[in-house]
């Protein structure tokens, strides 16, 4: 299952799964690299940082921002 890191609240982290459901987990369960916007995979009973998907989504958002704010005149 894939999750995105939504936000932190104290020592807890809000994750959003592929269907938009939110779950709250202890920050101790996440990899050190995880921060809001990071993509994680639940694998072998633990969360694993998905660097490929995190970078793909970051690039997609960057490209979207550029298309919205670029001067097309």
PDB file of N, CA and C in Angstrom:
ATOM      1  N   UNK A   1       0.841  -1.169   0.000  1.00  0.00           N
ATOM      2  CA  UNK A   1       0.000   0.000   0.000  1.00  0.00           C
ATOM      3  C   UNK A   1       0.894   1.243   0.000  1.00  0.00           C
ATOM      4  N   UNK A   2       0.482   2.278  -0.735  1.00  0.00           N
ATOM      5  CA  UNK A   2       1.239   3.524  -0.804  1.00  0.00           C
ATOM      6  C   UNK A   2       0.561   4.599   0.024  1.00  0.00           C
ATOM      7  N   UNK A   3       1.396   5.454   0.622  1.00  0.00           N
ATOM      8  CA  UNK A   3       0.915   6.557   1.449  1.00  0.00           C
ATOM      9  C   UNK A   3       1.715   7.812   1.125  1.00  0.00           C
ATOM     10  N   UNK A   4       1.061   8.953   1.270  1.00  0.00           N
ATOM     11  CA  UNK A   4       1.789  10.218   1.224  1.00  0.00           C
ATOM     12  C   UNK A   4       1.739  10.818   2.628  1.00  0.00           C
ATOM     13  N   UNK A   5       2.820  11.497   2.977  1.00  0.00           N
ATOM     14  CA  UNK A   5       2.882  12.162   4.278  1.00  0.00           C
ATOM     15  C   UNK A   5       2.175  13.497   4.131  1.00  0.00           C
ATOM     16  N   UNK A   6       1.097  13.669   4.886  1.00  0.00           N
ATOM     17  CA  UNK A   6       0.327  14.909   4.817  1.00  0.00           C
ATOM     18  C   UNK A   6       0.924  15.968   5.737  1.00  0.00           C
ATOM     19  N   UNK A   7       1.037  15.632   7.028  1.00  0.00           N
ATOM     20  CA  UNK A   7       1.557  16.607   7.987  1.00  0.00           C
ATOM     21  C   UNK A   7       1.936  15.907   9.282  1.00  0.00           C
ATOM     22  N   UNK A   8       2.648  16.661  10.123  1.00  0.00           N
ATOM     23  CA  UNK A   8       2.974  16.158  11.453  1.00  0.00           C
ATOM     24  C   UNK A   8       2.178  16.955  12.480  1.00  0.00           C
ATOM     25  N   UNK A   9       1.823  16.280  13.543  1.00  0.00           N
ATOM     26  CA  UNK A   9       1.139  16.913  14.674  1.00  0.00           C
ATOM     27  C   UNK A   9       1.786  16.367  15.931  1.00  0.00           C
ATOM     28  N   UNK A  10       2.733  17.125  16.450  1.00  0.00           N
ATOM     29  CA  UNK A  10       3.493  16.658  17.603  1.00  0.00           C
ATOM     30  C   UNK A  10       4.331  15.456  17.220  1.00  0.00           C
ATOM     31  N   UNK A  11       4.163  14.358  17.928  1.00  0.00           N
ATOM     32  CA  UNK A  11       4.934  13.147  17.624  1.00  0.00           C
ATOM     33  C   UNK A  11       4.147  12.184  16.729  1.00  0.00           C
ATOM     34  N   UNK A  12       3.073  12.680  16.108  1.00  0.00           N
ATOM     35  CA  UNK A  12       2.272  11.863  15.207  1.00  0.00           C
ATOM     36  C   UNK A  12       2.332  12.416  13.795  1.00  0.00           C
ATOM     37  N   UNK A  13       2.117  11.532  12.836  1.00  0.00           N
ATOM     38  CA  UNK A  13       2.143  11.908  11.430  1.00  0.00           C
ATOM     39  C   UNK A  13       0.830  11.455  10.792  1.00  0.00           C
ATOM     40  N   UNK A  14       0.259  12.338   9.986  1.00  0.00           N
ATOM     41  CA  UNK A  14      -0.962  12.018   9.253  1.00  0.00           C
ATOM     42  C   UNK A  14      -0.548  11.552   7.866  1.00  0.00           C
ATOM     43  N   UNK A  15      -0.969  10.342   7.520  1.00  0.00           N
ATOM     44  CA  UNK A  15      -0.692   9.771   6.202  1.00  0.00           C
ATOM     45  C   UNK A  15      -1.993   9.657   5.424  1.00  0.00           C
ATOM     46  N   UNK A  16      -1.904   9.760   4.101  1.00  0.00           N
ATOM     47  CA  UNK A  16      -3.064   9.586   3.233  1.00  0.00           C
ATOM     48  C   UNK A  16      -2.770   8.418   2.301  1.00  0.00           C
ATOM     49  N   UNK A  17      -3.687   7.446   2.266  1.00  0.00           N
ATOM     50  CA  UNK A  17      -3.461   6.279   1.410  1.00  0.00           C
ATOM     51  C   UNK A  17      -3.931   6.548  -0.016  1.00  0.00           C
ATOM     52  N   UNK A  18      -3.831   5.544  -0.856  1.00  0.00           N
ATOM     53  CA  UNK A  18      -4.152   5.669  -2.281  1.00  0.00           C
ATOM     54  C   UNK A  18      -5.607   6.037  -2.543  1.00  0.00           C
ATOM     55  N   UNK A  19      -6.489   5.776  -1.595  1.00  0.00           N
ATOM     56  CA  UNK A  19      -7.914   6.051  -1.767  1.00  0.00           C
ATOM     57  C   UNK A  19      -8.352   7.312  -1.039  1.00  0.00           C
ATOM     58  N   UNK A  20      -7.409   8.035  -0.462  1.00  0.00           N
ATOM     59  CA  UNK A  20      -7.738   9.278   0.221  1.00  0.00           C
ATOM     60  C   UNK A  20      -8.060   9.132   1.696  1.00  0.00           C
ATOM     61  N   UNK A  21      -7.923   7.936   2.227  1.00  0.00           N
ATOM     62  CA  UNK A  21      -8.164   7.716   3.658  1.00  0.00           C
ATOM     63  C   UNK A  21      -6.979   8.219   4.472  1.00  0.00           C
ATOM     64  N   UNK A  22      -7.264   8.809   5.613  1.00  0.00           N
ATOM     65  CA  UNK A  22      -6.202   9.315   6.496  1.00  0.00           C
ATOM     66  C   UNK A  22      -5.993   8.352   7.652  1.00  0.00           C
ATOM     67  N   UNK A  23      -4.715   8.161   7.977  1.00  0.00           N
ATOM     68  CA  UNK A  23      -4.376   7.396   9.173  1.00  0.00           C
ATOM     69  C   UNK A  23      -3.347   8.198   9.963  1.00  0.00           C
ATOM     70  N   UNK A  24      -3.315   7.987  11.254  1.00  0.00           N
ATOM     71  CA  UNK A  24      -2.362   8.664  12.130  1.00  0.00           C
ATOM     72  C   UNK A  24      -1.431   7.611  12.705  1.00  0.00           C
ATOM     73  N   UNK A  25      -0.120   7.857  12.576  1.00  0.00           N
ATOM     74  CA  UNK A  25       0.876   6.925  13.096  1.00  0.00           C
ATOM     75  C   UNK A  25       1.928   7.692  13.893  1.00  0.00           C
ATOM     76  N   UNK A  26       2.638   6.989  14.731  1.00  0.00           N
ATOM     77  CA  UNK A  26       3.744   7.589  15.474  1.00  0.00           C
ATOM     78  C   UNK A  26       4.869   7.933  14.509  1.00  0.00           C
ATOM     79  N   UNK A  27       5.518   9.069  14.730  1.00  0.00           N
ATOM     80  CA  UNK A  27       6.646   9.435  13.874  1.00  0.00           C
ATOM     81  C   UNK A  27       7.813   8.453  13.999  1.00  0.00           C
ATOM     82  N   UNK A  28       7.827   7.662  15.045  1.00  0.00           N
ATOM     83  CA  UNK A  28       8.877   6.657  15.233  1.00  0.00           C
ATOM     84  C   UNK A  28       8.772   5.516  14.226  1.00  0.00           C
ATOM     85  N   UNK A  29       7.613   5.360  13.593  1.00  0.00           N
ATOM     86  CA  UNK A  29       7.415   4.285  12.622  1.00  0.00           C
ATOM     87  C   UNK A  29       7.889   4.651  11.216  1.00  0.00           C
ATOM     88  N   UNK A  30       8.225   5.915  11.009  1.00  0.00           N
ATOM     89  CA  UNK A  30       8.582   6.375   9.670  1.00  0.00           C
ATOM     90  C   UNK A  30      10.088   6.467   9.479  1.00  0.00           C
ATOM     91  N   UNK A  31      10.539   6.341   8.228  1.00  0.00           N
ATOM     92  CA  UNK A  31      11.962   6.539   7.954  1.00  0.00           C
ATOM     93  C   UNK A  31      12.366   7.980   8.254  1.00  0.00           C
ATOM     94  N   UNK A  32      13.635   8.195   8.566  1.00  0.00           N
ATOM     95  CA  UNK A  32      14.125   9.542   8.897  1.00  0.00           C
ATOM     96  C   UNK A  32      13.896  10.551   7.779  1.00  0.00           C
ATOM     97  N   UNK A  33      13.941  10.111   6.521  1.00  0.00           N
ATOM     98  CA  UNK A  33      13.788  11.012   5.378  1.00  0.00           C
ATOM     99  C   UNK A  33      12.361  11.530   5.208  1.00  0.00           C
ATOM    100  N   UNK A  34      11.404  10.876   5.810  1.00  0.00           N
ATOM    101  CA  UNK A  34       9.995  11.207   5.586  1.00  0.00           C
ATOM    102  C   UNK A  34       9.654  12.598   6.112  1.00  0.00           C
ATOM    103  N   UNK A  35       8.982  13.382   5.265  1.00  0.00           N
ATOM    104  CA  UNK A  35       8.513  14.711   5.623  1.00  0.00           C
ATOM    105  C   UNK A  35       7.259  14.975   4.795  1.00  0.00           C
ATOM    106  N   UNK A  36       6.517  16.030   5.075  1.00  0.00           N
ATOM    107  CA  UNK A  36       5.315  16.287   4.283  1.00  0.00           C
ATOM    108  C   UNK A  36       5.618  16.291   2.781  1.00  0.00           C
ATOM    109  N   UNK A  37       4.804  15.545   2.053  1.00  0.00           N
ATOM    110  CA  UNK A  37       5.006  15.395   0.616  1.00  0.00           C
ATOM    111  C   UNK A  37       5.728  14.119   0.234  1.00  0.00           C
ATOM    112  N   UNK A  38       6.361  13.456   1.182  1.00  0.00           N
ATOM    113  CA  UNK A  38       7.072  12.209   0.898  1.00  0.00           C
ATOM    114  C   UNK A  38       6.098  11.079   0.604  1.00  0.00           C
ATOM    115  N   UNK A  39       6.527  10.164  -0.230  1.00  0.00           N
ATOM    116  CA  UNK A  39       5.747   8.972  -0.525  1.00  0.00           C
ATOM    117  C   UNK A  39       6.374   7.784   0.207  1.00  0.00           C
ATOM    118  N   UNK A  40       5.513   6.971   0.800  1.00  0.00           N
ATOM    119  CA  UNK A  40       5.949   5.806   1.555  1.00  0.00           C
ATOM    120  C   UNK A  40       5.216   4.568   1.048  1.00  0.00           C
ATOM    121  N   UNK A  41       5.850   3.432   1.219  1.00  0.00           N
ATOM    122  CA  UNK A  41       5.237   2.148   0.897  1.00  0.00           C
ATOM    123  C   UNK A  41       5.227   1.312   2.171  1.00  0.00           C
ATOM    124  N   UNK A  42       4.091   0.701   2.467  1.00  0.00           N
ATOM    125  CA  UNK A  42       4.003  -0.236   3.589  1.00  0.00           C
ATOM    126  C   UNK A  42       4.478  -1.572   3.040  1.00  0.00           C
ATOM    127  N   UNK A  43       5.621  -2.040   3.536  1.00  0.00           N
ATOM    128  CA  UNK A  43       6.272  -3.226   2.981  1.00  0.00           C
ATOM    129  C   UNK A  43       6.933  -4.011   4.102  1.00  0.00           C
ATOM    130  N   UNK A  44       6.652  -5.285   4.184  1.00  0.00           N
ATOM    131  CA  UNK A  44       7.252  -6.148   5.212  1.00  0.00           C
ATOM    132  C   UNK A  44       7.060  -5.588   6.620  1.00  0.00           C
ATOM    133  N   UNK A  45       5.829  -5.146   6.887  1.00  0.00           N
ATOM    134  CA  UNK A  45       5.462  -4.657   8.224  1.00  0.00           C
ATOM    135  C   UNK A  45       6.167  -3.364   8.642  1.00  0.00           C
ATOM    136  N   UNK A  46       6.575  -2.546   7.654  1.00  0.00           N
ATOM    137  CA  UNK A  46       7.195  -1.262   7.983  1.00  0.00           C
ATOM    138  C   UNK A  46       6.999  -0.286   6.824  1.00  0.00           C
ATOM    139  N   UNK A  47       7.179   1.002   7.106  1.00  0.00           N
ATOM    140  CA  UNK A  47       7.103   2.030   6.078  1.00  0.00           C
ATOM    141  C   UNK A  47       8.483   2.221   5.459  1.00  0.00           C
ATOM    142  N   UNK A  48       8.511   2.261   4.132  1.00  0.00           N
ATOM    143  CA  UNK A  48       9.755   2.437   3.379  1.00  0.00           C
ATOM    144  C   UNK A  48       9.621   3.699   2.531  1.00  0.00           C
ATOM    145  N   UNK A  49      10.641   4.542   2.538  1.00  0.00           N
ATOM    146  CA  UNK A  49      10.654   5.771   1.745  1.00  0.00           C
ATOM    147  C   UNK A  49      10.736   5.409   0.268  1.00  0.00           C
ATOM    148  N   UNK A  50       9.837   5.972  -0.561  1.00  0.00           N
ATOM    149  CA  UNK A  50       9.824   5.735  -2.008  1.00  0.00           C
ATOM    150  C   UNK A  50      10.380   6.968  -2.702  1.00  0.00           C
ATOM    151  N   UNK A  51      11.680   6.986  -2.906  1.00  0.00           N
ATOM    152  CA  UNK A  51      12.337   8.167  -3.471  1.00  0.00           C
ATOM    153  C   UNK A  51      11.910   8.426  -4.911  1.00  0.00           C
ATOM    154  N   UNK A  52      11.696   7.379  -5.696  1.00  0.00           N
ATOM    155  CA  UNK A  52      11.298   7.551  -7.096  1.00  0.00           C
ATOM    156  C   UNK A  52       9.939   8.234  -7.201  1.00  0.00           C
ATOM    157  N   UNK A  53       8.964   7.744  -6.464  1.00  0.00           N
ATOM    158  CA  UNK A  53       7.616   8.330  -6.506  1.00  0.00           C
ATOM    159  C   UNK A  53       7.598   9.726  -5.887  1.00  0.00           C
ATOM    160  N   UNK A  54       8.373   9.944  -4.836  1.00  0.00           N
ATOM    161  CA  UNK A  54       8.455  11.268  -4.219  1.00  0.00           C
ATOM    162  C   UNK A  54       8.990  12.280  -5.228  1.00  0.00           C
ATOM    163  N   UNK A  55      10.060  11.934  -5.922  1.00  0.00           N
ATOM    164  CA  UNK A  55      10.639  12.850  -6.914  1.00  0.00           C
ATOM    165  C   UNK A  55       9.716  13.048  -8.105  1.00  0.00           C
ATOM    166  N   UNK A  56       9.022  12.004  -8.537  1.00  0.00           N
ATOM    167  CA  UNK A  56       8.091  12.116  -9.661  1.00  0.00           C
ATOM    168  C   UNK A  56       6.969  13.089  -9.322  1.00  0.00           C
ATOM    169  N   UNK A  57       6.424  12.974  -8.130  1.00  0.00           N
ATOM    170  CA  UNK A  57       5.342  13.878  -7.721  1.00  0.00           C
ATOM    171  C   UNK A  57       5.842  15.305  -7.521  1.00  0.00           C
ATOM    172  N   UNK A  58       7.036  15.444  -6.984  1.00  0.00           N
ATOM    173  CA  UNK A  58       7.607  16.774  -6.798  1.00  0.00           C
ATOM    174  C   UNK A  58       7.780  17.467  -8.154  1.00  0.00           C
ATOM    175  N   UNK A  59       8.276  16.725  -9.139  1.00  0.00           N
ATOM    176  CA  UNK A  59       8.462  17.282 -10.479  1.00  0.00           C
ATOM    177  C   UNK A  59       7.116  17.639 -11.108  1.00  0.00           C
ATOM    178  N   UNK A  60       6.120  16.773 -10.934  1.00  0.00           N
ATOM    179  CA  UNK A  60       4.796  17.037 -11.496  1.00  0.00           C
ATOM    180  C   UNK A  60       4.205  18.316 -10.908  1.00  0.00           C
ATOM    181  N   UNK A  61       4.347  18.517  -9.593  1.00  0.00           N
ATOM    182  CA  UNK A  61       3.852  19.742  -8.968  1.00  0.00           C
ATOM    183  C   UNK A  61       4.625  20.975  -9.432  1.00  0.00           C
ATOM    184  N   UNK A  62       5.937  20.832  -9.575  1.00  0.00           N
ATOM    185  CA  UNK A  62       6.760  21.936 -10.058  1.00  0.00           C
ATOM    186  C   UNK A  62       6.340  22.328 -11.475  1.00  0.00           C
ATOM    187  N   UNK A  63       6.137  21.324 -12.337  1.00  0.00           N
ATOM    188  CA  UNK A  63       5.712  21.595 -13.711  1.00  0.00           C
ATOM    189  C   UNK A  63       4.334  22.245 -13.748  1.00  0.00           C
ATOM    190  N   UNK A  64       3.438  21.806 -12.880  1.00  0.00           N
ATOM    191  CA  UNK A  64       2.109  22.399 -12.814  1.00  0.00           C
ATOM    192  C   UNK A  64       2.191  23.864 -12.377  1.00  0.00           C
ATOM    193  N   UNK A  65       3.001  24.141 -11.364  1.00  0.00           N
ATOM    194  CA  UNK A  65       3.172  25.525 -10.924  1.00  0.00           C
ATOM    195  C   UNK A  65       3.730  26.380 -12.052  1.00  0.00           C
ATOM    196  N   UNK A  66       4.717  25.871 -12.756  1.00  0.00           N
ATOM    197  CA  UNK A  66       5.289  26.633 -13.866  1.00  0.00           C
ATOM    198  C   UNK A  66       4.267  26.911 -14.938  1.00  0.00           C
ATOM    199  N   UNK A  67       3.414  25.939 -15.241  1.00  0.00           N
ATOM    200  CA  UNK A  67       2.407  26.154 -16.290  1.00  0.00           C
ATOM    201  C   UNK A  67       1.355  27.167 -15.831  1.00  0.00           C
ATOM    202  N   UNK A  68       1.049  27.201 -14.552  1.00  0.00           N
ATOM    203  CA  UNK A  68       0.055  28.149 -14.045  1.00  0.00           C
ATOM    204  C   UNK A  68       0.584  29.581 -13.998  1.00  0.00           C
ATOM    205  N   UNK A  69       1.862  29.743 -13.707  1.00  0.00           N
ATOM    206  CA  UNK A  69       2.413  31.078 -13.516  1.00  0.00           C
ATOM    207  C   UNK A  69       3.279  31.569 -14.674  1.00  0.00           C
ATOM    208  N   UNK A  70       3.394  30.785 -15.735  1.00  0.00           N
ATOM    209  CA  UNK A  70       4.212  31.238 -16.854  1.00  0.00           C
ATOM    210  C   UNK A  70       3.431  32.274 -17.662  1.00  0.00           C
ATOM    211  N   UNK A  71       4.153  33.201 -18.245  1.00  0.00           N
ATOM    212  CA  UNK A  71       3.555  34.255 -19.057  1.00  0.00           C
ATOM    213  C   UNK A  71       3.394  33.720 -20.473  1.00  0.00           C
ATOM    214  N   UNK A  72       2.149  33.516 -20.898  1.00  0.00           N
ATOM    215  CA  UNK A  72       1.886  32.946 -22.228  1.00  0.00           C
ATOM    216  C   UNK A  72       1.518  34.019 -23.223  1.00  0.00           C
ATOM    217  N   UNK A  73       1.708  35.293 -22.885  1.00  0.00           N
ATOM    218  CA  UNK A  73       1.386  36.394 -23.809  1.00  0.00           C
ATOM    219  C   UNK A  73       2.523  36.695 -24.714  1.00  0.00           C
TER     220      UNK A  73
END
